[in-house]
Amino acid sequence: MKYGPGGKKTQSRSADALAGHSRKAIFLIAGVALVLLTGATGLRTLLMSQHRSAVGGPYALIDGHGHPVSQADFRGRYTLIYFGYTHCIDVCPLTLATVSAALAEPEARGQAVIPVFVSVDPARDTPKVVQDYVANFSPRIVGLTGTEAQLQPVMSAFHVTARRHIDTGSGYLVDHSSLLYLMDGRNHLVGMIPVDSNAHQIAVELGRMLPKS
Protein backbone atom coordinates (compact mmCIF):
# COMPACT_ATOMS: atom_id res chain seq x y z
CA MET A 1 0.00 0.00 0.00
CA LYS A 2 1.35 3.41 -0.97
CA TYR A 3 0.76 6.79 0.61
CA GLY A 4 0.65 10.15 -0.99
CA PRO A 5 1.58 13.57 0.34
CA GLY A 6 0.37 14.13 3.88
CA GLY A 7 0.33 10.45 4.58
CA LYS A 8 -2.99 9.90 2.77
CA LYS A 9 -3.69 6.53 1.28
CA THR A 10 -3.56 6.41 -2.57
CA GLN A 11 -4.73 2.82 -2.99
CA SER A 12 -8.23 3.64 -4.14
CA ARG A 13 -7.02 6.25 -6.62
CA SER A 14 -4.38 3.90 -8.03
CA ALA A 15 -6.85 1.05 -8.11
CA ASP A 16 -9.37 3.19 -10.01
CA ALA A 17 -6.68 4.20 -12.50
CA LEU A 18 -5.59 0.61 -12.91
CA ALA A 19 -9.16 -0.54 -13.37
CA GLY A 20 -9.70 2.14 -15.99
CA HIS A 21 -6.62 1.03 -17.92
CA SER A 22 -7.74 -2.59 -17.60
CA ARG A 23 -11.17 -1.79 -19.00
CA LYS A 24 -9.61 0.06 -21.92
CA ALA A 25 -7.29 -2.88 -22.58
CA ILE A 26 -10.20 -5.31 -22.46
CA PHE A 27 -12.24 -3.21 -24.88
CA LEU A 28 -9.22 -2.89 -27.17
CA ILE A 29 -8.59 -6.65 -27.13
CA ALA A 30 -12.28 -7.33 -27.73
CA GLY A 31 -12.28 -4.90 -30.62
CA VAL A 32 -9.21 -6.49 -32.18
CA ALA A 33 -10.73 -9.94 -31.77
CA LEU A 34 -13.92 -8.81 -33.49
CA VAL A 35 -11.92 -7.35 -36.37
CA LEU A 36 -9.95 -10.56 -36.70
CA LEU A 37 -13.08 -12.68 -36.68
CA THR A 38 -15.04 -10.60 -39.16
CA GLY A 39 -12.23 -8.83 -40.98
CA ALA A 40 -10.70 -11.87 -42.68
CA THR A 41 -13.88 -12.66 -44.55
CA GLY A 42 -14.69 -9.01 -45.06
CA LEU A 43 -11.26 -8.17 -46.41
CA ARG A 44 -11.29 -11.11 -48.82
CA THR A 45 -14.76 -10.13 -50.01
CA LEU A 46 -13.65 -6.54 -50.43
CA LEU A 47 -10.57 -7.48 -52.41
CA MET A 48 -12.51 -9.84 -54.65
CA SER A 49 -15.34 -7.39 -55.26
CA GLN A 50 -13.17 -4.46 -56.32
CA HIS A 51 -13.14 -3.23 -59.94
CA ARG A 52 -16.05 -5.44 -60.99
CA SER A 53 -16.41 -3.60 -64.28
CA ALA A 54 -12.83 -4.61 -65.14
CA VAL A 55 -13.45 -8.35 -64.67
CA GLY A 56 -14.90 -10.46 -67.47
CA GLY A 57 -15.76 -9.72 -71.05
CA PRO A 58 -16.87 -11.28 -74.32
CA TYR A 59 -15.55 -14.69 -75.28
CA ALA A 60 -15.73 -17.16 -78.14
CA LEU A 61 -14.84 -20.76 -77.28
CA ILE A 62 -15.80 -24.34 -78.15
CA ASP A 63 -18.10 -26.57 -76.11
CA GLY A 64 -17.74 -30.30 -75.50
CA HIS A 65 -19.64 -31.12 -78.66
CA GLY A 66 -17.41 -29.02 -80.87
CA HIS A 67 -19.90 -26.16 -81.20
CA PRO A 68 -18.86 -22.53 -80.96
CA VAL A 69 -20.09 -20.83 -77.78
CA SER A 70 -19.95 -17.19 -76.79
CA GLN A 71 -21.24 -15.15 -73.88
CA ALA A 72 -24.26 -14.30 -76.03
CA ASP A 73 -25.44 -17.92 -75.76
CA PHE A 74 -26.00 -17.37 -72.03
CA ARG A 75 -27.78 -14.04 -72.38
CA GLY A 76 -30.47 -13.72 -69.76
CA ARG A 77 -29.00 -16.51 -67.62
CA TYR A 78 -26.59 -16.35 -64.72
CA THR A 79 -23.36 -18.30 -65.16
CA LEU A 80 -20.92 -19.52 -62.53
CA ILE A 81 -17.58 -19.73 -64.32
CA TYR A 82 -14.54 -21.66 -63.15
CA PHE A 83 -11.16 -21.90 -64.91
CA GLY A 84 -9.23 -25.14 -64.52
CA TYR A 85 -8.00 -28.17 -66.44
CA THR A 86 -8.90 -31.83 -66.69
CA HIS A 87 -5.54 -33.22 -65.54
CA CYS A 88 -5.73 -31.26 -62.28
CA ILE A 89 -5.27 -33.67 -59.39
CA ASP A 90 -6.84 -31.72 -56.52
CA VAL A 91 -8.42 -28.27 -56.67
CA CYS A 92 -10.35 -28.60 -59.94
CA PRO A 93 -12.19 -31.88 -59.27
CA LEU A 94 -12.93 -30.81 -55.70
CA THR A 95 -14.28 -27.46 -56.88
CA LEU A 96 -16.55 -28.97 -59.53
CA ALA A 97 -17.88 -31.54 -57.09
CA THR A 98 -18.50 -28.84 -54.49
CA VAL A 99 -20.23 -26.56 -57.00
CA SER A 100 -22.48 -29.43 -58.12
CA ALA A 101 -23.45 -30.09 -54.51
CA ALA A 102 -23.97 -26.38 -53.82
CA LEU A 103 -26.34 -25.92 -56.75
CA ALA A 104 -28.48 -28.75 -55.40
CA GLU A 105 -29.07 -26.86 -52.15
CA PRO A 106 -32.28 -24.78 -52.01
CA GLU A 107 -30.44 -21.66 -50.80
CA ALA A 108 -28.53 -21.45 -54.07
CA ARG A 109 -31.61 -21.38 -56.31
CA GLY A 110 -29.34 -23.38 -58.58
CA GLN A 111 -31.77 -23.72 -61.45
CA ALA A 112 -31.12 -20.05 -62.17
CA VAL A 113 -27.38 -20.68 -62.62
CA ILE A 114 -25.45 -22.44 -65.39
CA PRO A 115 -22.09 -23.77 -64.17
CA VAL A 116 -19.34 -23.29 -66.76
CA PHE A 117 -15.89 -24.91 -66.75
CA VAL A 118 -13.24 -23.25 -68.94
CA SER A 119 -10.00 -25.13 -69.60
CA VAL A 120 -6.65 -23.38 -69.23
CA ASP A 121 -4.85 -26.32 -70.86
CA PRO A 122 -5.77 -26.26 -74.57
CA ALA A 123 -2.90 -28.58 -75.51
CA ARG A 124 -4.61 -31.56 -73.84
CA ASP A 125 -8.17 -30.46 -73.25
CA THR A 126 -9.92 -31.12 -76.52
CA PRO A 127 -13.70 -30.66 -76.65
CA LYS A 128 -14.29 -34.39 -76.10
CA VAL A 129 -11.86 -34.56 -73.19
CA VAL A 130 -13.57 -31.60 -71.53
CA GLN A 131 -17.03 -33.02 -72.16
CA ASP A 132 -16.14 -36.39 -70.65
CA TYR A 133 -14.55 -34.65 -67.68
CA VAL A 134 -17.42 -32.37 -66.69
CA ALA A 135 -19.92 -35.21 -67.20
CA ASN A 136 -18.29 -36.95 -64.23
CA PHE A 137 -19.59 -34.20 -61.95
CA SER A 138 -22.90 -33.02 -63.37
CA PRO A 139 -24.73 -33.05 -66.70
CA ARG A 140 -25.49 -29.39 -66.10
CA ILE A 141 -21.88 -28.21 -66.32
CA VAL A 142 -20.96 -26.66 -69.66
CA GLY A 143 -17.35 -27.42 -70.55
CA LEU A 144 -15.52 -24.95 -72.78
CA THR A 145 -12.11 -25.03 -74.40
CA GLY A 146 -10.40 -23.64 -77.46
CA THR A 147 -7.10 -22.84 -79.03
CA GLU A 148 -4.39 -20.92 -77.23
CA ALA A 149 -5.34 -17.87 -79.27
CA GLN A 150 -8.99 -18.21 -78.24
CA LEU A 151 -8.32 -18.81 -74.57
CA GLN A 152 -5.73 -16.12 -73.88
CA PRO A 153 -8.04 -13.10 -74.25
CA VAL A 154 -10.68 -14.80 -72.09
CA MET A 155 -8.17 -15.54 -69.35
CA SER A 156 -6.88 -11.99 -69.59
CA ALA A 157 -10.40 -10.57 -69.28
CA PHE A 158 -11.00 -12.58 -66.12
CA HIS A 159 -7.46 -11.95 -64.80
CA VAL A 160 -6.75 -15.68 -64.73
CA THR A 161 -3.13 -16.75 -64.58
CA ALA A 162 -1.80 -20.17 -65.57
CA ARG A 163 1.77 -21.46 -65.53
CA ARG A 164 2.74 -24.81 -66.93
CA HIS A 165 5.32 -26.89 -65.11
CA ILE A 166 8.14 -28.54 -67.06
CA ASP A 167 7.02 -31.90 -68.43
CA THR A 168 8.90 -34.66 -66.65
CA GLY A 169 7.75 -37.37 -69.04
CA SER A 170 4.76 -38.43 -66.98
CA GLY A 171 2.74 -35.36 -67.86
CA TYR A 172 2.73 -31.83 -66.51
CA LEU A 173 0.74 -29.81 -64.02
CA VAL A 174 -0.55 -26.27 -64.39
CA ASP A 175 -0.53 -23.70 -61.61
CA HIS A 176 -3.55 -21.47 -62.09
CA SER A 177 -5.63 -18.96 -60.18
CA SER A 178 -8.87 -20.36 -58.79
CA LEU A 179 -12.05 -18.37 -58.22
CA LEU A 180 -15.72 -18.82 -59.00
CA TYR A 181 -17.10 -15.94 -61.08
CA LEU A 182 -20.84 -15.29 -60.95
CA MET A 183 -21.87 -13.41 -64.09
CA ASP A 184 -25.32 -11.97 -64.70
CA GLY A 185 -27.46 -12.32 -67.81
CA ARG A 186 -25.54 -9.56 -69.56
CA ASN A 187 -22.15 -11.11 -68.75
CA HIS A 188 -21.39 -8.58 -66.04
CA LEU A 189 -19.63 -9.69 -62.88
CA VAL A 190 -21.96 -10.02 -59.89
CA GLY A 191 -19.37 -11.36 -57.47
CA MET A 192 -16.61 -13.88 -56.86
CA ILE A 193 -16.56 -16.83 -54.49
CA PRO A 194 -13.37 -18.43 -53.14
CA VAL A 195 -12.99 -22.08 -54.09
CA ASP A 196 -12.09 -23.09 -50.56
CA SER A 197 -15.73 -22.52 -49.60
CA ASN A 198 -17.80 -25.60 -48.82
CA ALA A 199 -21.00 -26.44 -50.68
CA HIS A 200 -23.27 -24.75 -48.15
CA GLN A 201 -21.18 -21.58 -48.11
CA ILE A 202 -21.30 -21.39 -51.91
CA ALA A 203 -25.06 -21.98 -51.85
CA VAL A 204 -25.55 -19.19 -49.31
CA GLU A 205 -23.36 -16.80 -51.31
CA LEU A 206 -25.27 -17.54 -54.49
CA GLY A 207 -28.56 -17.01 -52.70
CA ARG A 208 -27.28 -13.66 -51.45
CA MET A 209 -26.05 -12.49 -54.84
CA LEU A 210 -28.89 -13.72 -57.05
CA PRO A 211 -31.98 -11.53 -57.41
CA LYS A 212 -34.79 -12.48 -55.05
CA SER A 213 -37.50 -12.52 -57.69
C-alpha atoms as a PDB file:
ATOM      1  CA  MET A   1       0.000   0.000   0.000  1.00  0.00           C
ATOM      2  CA  LYS A   2       1.353   3.412  -0.970  1.00  0.00           C
ATOM      3  CA  TYR A   3       0.759   6.794   0.612  1.00  0.00           C
ATOM      4  CA  GLY A   4       0.648  10.148  -0.993  1.00  0.00           C
ATOM      5  CA  PRO A   5       1.581  13.567   0.339  1.00  0.00           C
ATOM      6  CA  GLY A   6       0.368  14.131   3.884  1.00  0.00           C
ATOM      7  CA  GLY A   7       0.325  10.453   4.582  1.00  0.00           C
ATOM      8  CA  LYS A   8      -2.993   9.904   2.768  1.00  0.00           C
ATOM      9  CA  LYS A   9      -3.693   6.531   1.276  1.00  0.00           C
ATOM     10  CA  THR A  10      -3.562   6.408  -2.568  1.00  0.00           C
ATOM     11  CA  GLN A  11      -4.728   2.821  -2.988  1.00  0.00           C
ATOM     12  CA  SER A  12      -8.233   3.641  -4.140  1.00  0.00           C
ATOM     13  CA  ARG A  13      -7.021   6.245  -6.621  1.00  0.00           C
ATOM     14  CA  SER A  14      -4.380   3.900  -8.027  1.00  0.00           C
ATOM     15  CA  ALA A  15      -6.854   1.052  -8.114  1.00  0.00           C
ATOM     16  CA  ASP A  16      -9.365   3.188 -10.012  1.00  0.00           C
ATOM     17  CA  ALA A  17      -6.684   4.196 -12.504  1.00  0.00           C
ATOM     18  CA  LEU A  18      -5.588   0.606 -12.913  1.00  0.00           C
ATOM     19  CA  ALA A  19      -9.160  -0.543 -13.372  1.00  0.00           C
ATOM     20  CA  GLY A  20      -9.696   2.141 -15.989  1.00  0.00           C
ATOM     21  CA  HIS A  21      -6.622   1.031 -17.921  1.00  0.00           C
ATOM     22  CA  SER A  22      -7.739  -2.588 -17.598  1.00  0.00           C
ATOM     23  CA  ARG A  23     -11.174  -1.792 -18.998  1.00  0.00           C
ATOM     24  CA  LYS A  24      -9.605   0.061 -21.920  1.00  0.00           C
ATOM     25  CA  ALA A  25      -7.291  -2.877 -22.585  1.00  0.00           C
ATOM     26  CA  ILE A  26     -10.204  -5.308 -22.461  1.00  0.00           C
ATOM     27  CA  PHE A  27     -12.245  -3.212 -24.879  1.00  0.00           C
ATOM     28  CA  LEU A  28      -9.220  -2.893 -27.167  1.00  0.00           C
ATOM     29  CA  ILE A  29      -8.590  -6.649 -27.134  1.00  0.00           C
ATOM     30  CA  ALA A  30     -12.284  -7.327 -27.732  1.00  0.00           C
ATOM     31  CA  GLY A  31     -12.278  -4.898 -30.620  1.00  0.00           C
ATOM     32  CA  VAL A  32      -9.213  -6.490 -32.178  1.00  0.00           C
ATOM     33  CA  ALA A  33     -10.732  -9.938 -31.767  1.00  0.00           C
ATOM     34  CA  LEU A  34     -13.923  -8.805 -33.488  1.00  0.00           C
ATOM     35  CA  VAL A  35     -11.925  -7.351 -36.370  1.00  0.00           C
ATOM     36  CA  LEU A  36      -9.953 -10.556 -36.700  1.00  0.00           C
ATOM     37  CA  LEU A  37     -13.080 -12.685 -36.680  1.00  0.00           C
ATOM     38  CA  THR A  38     -15.035 -10.597 -39.165  1.00  0.00           C
ATOM     39  CA  GLY A  39     -12.231  -8.835 -40.984  1.00  0.00           C
ATOM     40  CA  ALA A  40     -10.696 -11.866 -42.684  1.00  0.00           C
ATOM     41  CA  THR A  41     -13.885 -12.664 -44.546  1.00  0.00           C
ATOM     42  CA  GLY A  42     -14.693  -9.005 -45.061  1.00  0.00           C
ATOM     43  CA  LEU A  43     -11.260  -8.169 -46.408  1.00  0.00           C
ATOM     44  CA  ARG A  44     -11.286 -11.113 -48.821  1.00  0.00           C
ATOM     45  CA  THR A  45     -14.762 -10.132 -50.014  1.00  0.00           C
ATOM     46  CA  LEU A  46     -13.646  -6.536 -50.431  1.00  0.00           C
ATOM     47  CA  LEU A  47     -10.567  -7.482 -52.415  1.00  0.00           C
ATOM     48  CA  MET A  48     -12.511  -9.836 -54.655  1.00  0.00           C
ATOM     49  CA  SER A  49     -15.342  -7.386 -55.263  1.00  0.00           C
ATOM     50  CA  GLN A  50     -13.168  -4.459 -56.319  1.00  0.00           C
ATOM     51  CA  HIS A  51     -13.137  -3.234 -59.938  1.00  0.00           C
ATOM     52  CA  ARG A  52     -16.048  -5.435 -60.991  1.00  0.00           C
ATOM     53  CA  SER A  53     -16.414  -3.603 -64.285  1.00  0.00           C
ATOM     54  CA  ALA A  54     -12.829  -4.609 -65.140  1.00  0.00           C
ATOM     55  CA  VAL A  55     -13.446  -8.351 -64.673  1.00  0.00           C
ATOM     56  CA  GLY A  56     -14.898 -10.457 -67.466  1.00  0.00           C
ATOM     57  CA  GLY A  57     -15.760  -9.723 -71.050  1.00  0.00           C
ATOM     58  CA  PRO A  58     -16.867 -11.282 -74.323  1.00  0.00           C
ATOM     59  CA  TYR A  59     -15.548 -14.689 -75.277  1.00  0.00           C
ATOM     60  CA  ALA A  60     -15.726 -17.159 -78.139  1.00  0.00           C
ATOM     61  CA  LEU A  61     -14.835 -20.757 -77.280  1.00  0.00           C
ATOM     62  CA  ILE A  62     -15.802 -24.337 -78.154  1.00  0.00           C
ATOM     63  CA  ASP A  63     -18.102 -26.566 -76.105  1.00  0.00           C
ATOM     64  CA  GLY A  64     -17.737 -30.299 -75.498  1.00  0.00           C
ATOM     65  CA  HIS A  65     -19.642 -31.117 -78.664  1.00  0.00           C
ATOM     66  CA  GLY A  66     -17.406 -29.016 -80.870  1.00  0.00           C
ATOM     67  CA  HIS A  67     -19.899 -26.165 -81.204  1.00  0.00           C
ATOM     68  CA  PRO A  68     -18.857 -22.530 -80.956  1.00  0.00           C
ATOM     69  CA  VAL A  69     -20.086 -20.833 -77.783  1.00  0.00           C
ATOM     70  CA  SER A  70     -19.949 -17.188 -76.795  1.00  0.00           C
ATOM     71  CA  GLN A  71     -21.240 -15.155 -73.880  1.00  0.00           C
ATOM     72  CA  ALA A  72     -24.256 -14.299 -76.026  1.00  0.00           C
ATOM     73  CA  ASP A  73     -25.444 -17.920 -75.764  1.00  0.00           C
ATOM     74  CA  PHE A  74     -26.003 -17.374 -72.033  1.00  0.00           C
ATOM     75  CA  ARG A  75     -27.780 -14.044 -72.377  1.00  0.00           C
ATOM     76  CA  GLY A  76     -30.471 -13.717 -69.760  1.00  0.00           C
ATOM     77  CA  ARG A  77     -28.996 -16.508 -67.624  1.00  0.00           C
ATOM     78  CA  TYR A  78     -26.593 -16.353 -64.723  1.00  0.00           C
ATOM     79  CA  THR A  79     -23.356 -18.304 -65.158  1.00  0.00           C
ATOM     80  CA  LEU A  80     -20.921 -19.525 -62.526  1.00  0.00           C
ATOM     81  CA  ILE A  81     -17.575 -19.727 -64.317  1.00  0.00           C
ATOM     82  CA  TYR A  82     -14.538 -21.657 -63.148  1.00  0.00           C
ATOM     83  CA  PHE A  83     -11.159 -21.896 -64.912  1.00  0.00           C
ATOM     84  CA  GLY A  84      -9.229 -25.144 -64.520  1.00  0.00           C
ATOM     85  CA  TYR A  85      -8.003 -28.166 -66.445  1.00  0.00           C
ATOM     86  CA  THR A  86      -8.897 -31.832 -66.687  1.00  0.00           C
ATOM     87  CA  HIS A  87      -5.538 -33.220 -65.536  1.00  0.00           C
ATOM     88  CA  CYS A  88      -5.726 -31.264 -62.283  1.00  0.00           C
ATOM     89  CA  ILE A  89      -5.272 -33.668 -59.391  1.00  0.00           C
ATOM     90  CA  ASP A  90      -6.840 -31.724 -56.520  1.00  0.00           C
ATOM     91  CA  VAL A  91      -8.422 -28.273 -56.669  1.00  0.00           C
ATOM     92  CA  CYS A  92     -10.349 -28.604 -59.940  1.00  0.00           C
ATOM     93  CA  PRO A  93     -12.191 -31.882 -59.270  1.00  0.00           C
ATOM     94  CA  LEU A  94     -12.926 -30.812 -55.700  1.00  0.00           C
ATOM     95  CA  THR A  95     -14.275 -27.461 -56.879  1.00  0.00           C
ATOM     96  CA  LEU A  96     -16.549 -28.971 -59.527  1.00  0.00           C
ATOM     97  CA  ALA A  97     -17.878 -31.540 -57.092  1.00  0.00           C
ATOM     98  CA  THR A  98     -18.496 -28.836 -54.490  1.00  0.00           C
ATOM     99  CA  VAL A  99     -20.233 -26.562 -56.995  1.00  0.00           C
ATOM    100  CA  SER A 100     -22.483 -29.430 -58.119  1.00  0.00           C
ATOM    101  CA  ALA A 101     -23.448 -30.086 -54.507  1.00  0.00           C
ATOM    102  CA  ALA A 102     -23.969 -26.382 -53.822  1.00  0.00           C
ATOM    103  CA  LEU A 103     -26.336 -25.918 -56.748  1.00  0.00           C
ATOM    104  CA  ALA A 104     -28.481 -28.750 -55.404  1.00  0.00           C
ATOM    105  CA  GLU A 105     -29.071 -26.859 -52.153  1.00  0.00           C
ATOM    106  CA  PRO A 106     -32.276 -24.783 -52.009  1.00  0.00           C
ATOM    107  CA  GLU A 107     -30.443 -21.664 -50.801  1.00  0.00           C
ATOM    108  CA  ALA A 108     -28.530 -21.450 -54.070  1.00  0.00           C
ATOM    109  CA  ARG A 109     -31.608 -21.384 -56.313  1.00  0.00           C
ATOM    110  CA  GLY A 110     -29.343 -23.381 -58.577  1.00  0.00           C
ATOM    111  CA  GLN A 111     -31.765 -23.721 -61.446  1.00  0.00           C
ATOM    112  CA  ALA A 112     -31.117 -20.052 -62.170  1.00  0.00           C
ATOM    113  CA  VAL A 113     -27.384 -20.676 -62.621  1.00  0.00           C
ATOM    114  CA  ILE A 114     -25.453 -22.441 -65.389  1.00  0.00           C
ATOM    115  CA  PRO A 115     -22.090 -23.770 -64.169  1.00  0.00           C
ATOM    116  CA  VAL A 116     -19.337 -23.289 -66.757  1.00  0.00           C
ATOM    117  CA  PHE A 117     -15.889 -24.909 -66.753  1.00  0.00           C
ATOM    118  CA  VAL A 118     -13.236 -23.247 -68.940  1.00  0.00           C
ATOM    119  CA  SER A 119      -9.999 -25.127 -69.600  1.00  0.00           C
ATOM    120  CA  VAL A 120      -6.650 -23.383 -69.226  1.00  0.00           C
ATOM    121  CA  ASP A 121      -4.852 -26.319 -70.861  1.00  0.00           C
ATOM    122  CA  PRO A 122      -5.765 -26.258 -74.566  1.00  0.00           C
ATOM    123  CA  ALA A 123      -2.904 -28.577 -75.513  1.00  0.00           C
ATOM    124  CA  ARG A 124      -4.605 -31.556 -73.844  1.00  0.00           C
ATOM    125  CA  ASP A 125      -8.170 -30.461 -73.246  1.00  0.00           C
ATOM    126  CA  THR A 126      -9.915 -31.124 -76.517  1.00  0.00           C
ATOM    127  CA  PRO A 127     -13.697 -30.656 -76.650  1.00  0.00           C
ATOM    128  CA  LYS A 128     -14.293 -34.388 -76.104  1.00  0.00           C
ATOM    129  CA  VAL A 129     -11.864 -34.559 -73.187  1.00  0.00           C
ATOM    130  CA  VAL A 130     -13.567 -31.597 -71.529  1.00  0.00           C
ATOM    131  CA  GLN A 131     -17.031 -33.022 -72.158  1.00  0.00           C
ATOM    132  CA  ASP A 132     -16.143 -36.391 -70.653  1.00  0.00           C
ATOM    133  CA  TYR A 133     -14.550 -34.654 -67.685  1.00  0.00           C
ATOM    134  CA  VAL A 134     -17.423 -32.373 -66.693  1.00  0.00           C
ATOM    135  CA  ALA A 135     -19.918 -35.213 -67.197  1.00  0.00           C
ATOM    136  CA  ASN A 136     -18.289 -36.948 -64.230  1.00  0.00           C
ATOM    137  CA  PHE A 137     -19.586 -34.203 -61.955  1.00  0.00           C
ATOM    138  CA  SER A 138     -22.902 -33.024 -63.369  1.00  0.00           C
ATOM    139  CA  PRO A 139     -24.729 -33.048 -66.705  1.00  0.00           C
ATOM    140  CA  ARG A 140     -25.490 -29.386 -66.097  1.00  0.00           C
ATOM    141  CA  ILE A 141     -21.878 -28.210 -66.320  1.00  0.00           C
ATOM    142  CA  VAL A 142     -20.960 -26.663 -69.664  1.00  0.00           C
ATOM    143  CA  GLY A 143     -17.347 -27.424 -70.554  1.00  0.00           C
ATOM    144  CA  LEU A 144     -15.524 -24.948 -72.785  1.00  0.00           C
ATOM    145  CA  THR A 145     -12.106 -25.032 -74.398  1.00  0.00           C
ATOM    146  CA  GLY A 146     -10.400 -23.641 -77.464  1.00  0.00           C
ATOM    147  CA  THR A 147      -7.099 -22.842 -79.031  1.00  0.00           C
ATOM    148  CA  GLU A 148      -4.393 -20.917 -77.233  1.00  0.00           C
ATOM    149  CA  ALA A 149      -5.345 -17.868 -79.271  1.00  0.00           C
ATOM    150  CA  GLN A 150      -8.994 -18.212 -78.239  1.00  0.00           C
ATOM    151  CA  LEU A 151      -8.317 -18.812 -74.567  1.00  0.00           C
ATOM    152  CA  GLN A 152      -5.731 -16.116 -73.876  1.00  0.00           C
ATOM    153  CA  PRO A 153      -8.042 -13.095 -74.253  1.00  0.00           C
ATOM    154  CA  VAL A 154     -10.678 -14.803 -72.087  1.00  0.00           C
ATOM    155  CA  MET A 155      -8.168 -15.545 -69.351  1.00  0.00           C
ATOM    156  CA  SER A 156      -6.880 -11.987 -69.591  1.00  0.00           C
ATOM    157  CA  ALA A 157     -10.400 -10.566 -69.284  1.00  0.00           C
ATOM    158  CA  PHE A 158     -10.999 -12.580 -66.116  1.00  0.00           C
ATOM    159  CA  HIS A 159      -7.463 -11.951 -64.801  1.00  0.00           C
ATOM    160  CA  VAL A 160      -6.750 -15.676 -64.731  1.00  0.00           C
ATOM    161  CA  THR A 161      -3.126 -16.750 -64.583  1.00  0.00           C
ATOM    162  CA  ALA A 162      -1.802 -20.168 -65.569  1.00  0.00           C
ATOM    163  CA  ARG A 163       1.770 -21.456 -65.529  1.00  0.00           C
ATOM    164  CA  ARG A 164       2.737 -24.814 -66.929  1.00  0.00           C
ATOM    165  CA  HIS A 165       5.323 -26.894 -65.106  1.00  0.00           C
ATOM    166  CA  ILE A 166       8.141 -28.540 -67.057  1.00  0.00           C
ATOM    167  CA  ASP A 167       7.020 -31.899 -68.426  1.00  0.00           C
ATOM    168  CA  THR A 168       8.905 -34.663 -66.648  1.00  0.00           C
ATOM    169  CA  GLY A 169       7.752 -37.366 -69.037  1.00  0.00           C
ATOM    170  CA  SER A 170       4.762 -38.425 -66.979  1.00  0.00           C
ATOM    171  CA  GLY A 171       2.742 -35.356 -67.864  1.00  0.00           C
ATOM    172  CA  TYR A 172       2.731 -31.832 -66.514  1.00  0.00           C
ATOM    173  CA  LEU A 173       0.736 -29.810 -64.021  1.00  0.00           C
ATOM    174  CA  VAL A 174      -0.550 -26.268 -64.387  1.00  0.00           C
ATOM    175  CA  ASP A 175      -0.532 -23.699 -61.606  1.00  0.00           C
ATOM    176  CA  HIS A 176      -3.554 -21.472 -62.089  1.00  0.00           C
ATOM    177  CA  SER A 177      -5.628 -18.962 -60.179  1.00  0.00           C
ATOM    178  CA  SER A 178      -8.874 -20.356 -58.789  1.00  0.00           C
ATOM    179  CA  LEU A 179     -12.046 -18.373 -58.224  1.00  0.00           C
ATOM    180  CA  LEU A 180     -15.720 -18.817 -59.005  1.00  0.00           C
ATOM    181  CA  TYR A 181     -17.101 -15.938 -61.081  1.00  0.00           C
ATOM    182  CA  LEU A 182     -20.836 -15.293 -60.954  1.00  0.00           C
ATOM    183  CA  MET A 183     -21.871 -13.412 -64.088  1.00  0.00           C
ATOM    184  CA  ASP A 184     -25.318 -11.973 -64.704  1.00  0.00           C
ATOM    185  CA  GLY A 185     -27.462 -12.324 -67.808  1.00  0.00           C
ATOM    186  CA  ARG A 186     -25.543  -9.563 -69.556  1.00  0.00           C
ATOM    187  CA  ASN A 187     -22.152 -11.109 -68.752  1.00  0.00           C
ATOM    188  CA  HIS A 188     -21.387  -8.584 -66.039  1.00  0.00           C
ATOM    189  CA  LEU A 189     -19.635  -9.690 -62.884  1.00  0.00           C
ATOM    190  CA  VAL A 190     -21.962 -10.021 -59.891  1.00  0.00           C
ATOM    191  CA  GLY A 191     -19.365 -11.361 -57.474  1.00  0.00           C
ATOM    192  CA  MET A 192     -16.605 -13.875 -56.855  1.00  0.00           C
ATOM    193  CA  ILE A 193     -16.561 -16.828 -54.489  1.00  0.00           C
ATOM    194  CA  PRO A 194     -13.372 -18.434 -53.142  1.00  0.00           C
ATOM    195  CA  VAL A 195     -12.988 -22.076 -54.088  1.00  0.00           C
ATOM    196  CA  ASP A 196     -12.095 -23.089 -50.555  1.00  0.00           C
ATOM    197  CA  SER A 197     -15.734 -22.515 -49.599  1.00  0.00           C
ATOM    198  CA  ASN A 198     -17.796 -25.599 -48.819  1.00  0.00           C
ATOM    199  CA  ALA A 199     -20.997 -26.441 -50.679  1.00  0.00           C
ATOM    200  CA  HIS A 200     -23.270 -24.753 -48.154  1.00  0.00           C
ATOM    201  CA  GLN A 201     -21.176 -21.581 -48.109  1.00  0.00           C
ATOM    202  CA  ILE A 202     -21.305 -21.390 -51.912  1.00  0.00           C
ATOM    203  CA  ALA A 203     -25.063 -21.979 -51.846  1.00  0.00           C
ATOM    204  CA  VAL A 204     -25.551 -19.187 -49.307  1.00  0.00           C
ATOM    205  CA  GLU A 205     -23.359 -16.802 -51.310  1.00  0.00           C
ATOM    206  CA  LEU A 206     -25.274 -17.542 -54.494  1.00  0.00           C
ATOM    207  CA  GLY A 207     -28.565 -17.011 -52.698  1.00  0.00           C
ATOM    208  CA  ARG A 208     -27.282 -13.659 -51.448  1.00  0.00           C
ATOM    209  CA  MET A 209     -26.053 -12.489 -54.844  1.00  0.00           C
ATOM    210  CA  LEU A 210     -28.888 -13.722 -57.046  1.00  0.00           C
ATOM    211  CA  PRO A 211     -31.984 -11.530 -57.413  1.00  0.00           C
ATOM    212  CA  LYS A 212     -34.787 -12.484 -55.052  1.00  0.00           C
ATOM    213  CA  SER A 213     -37.502 -12.525 -57.689  1.00  0.00           C
END
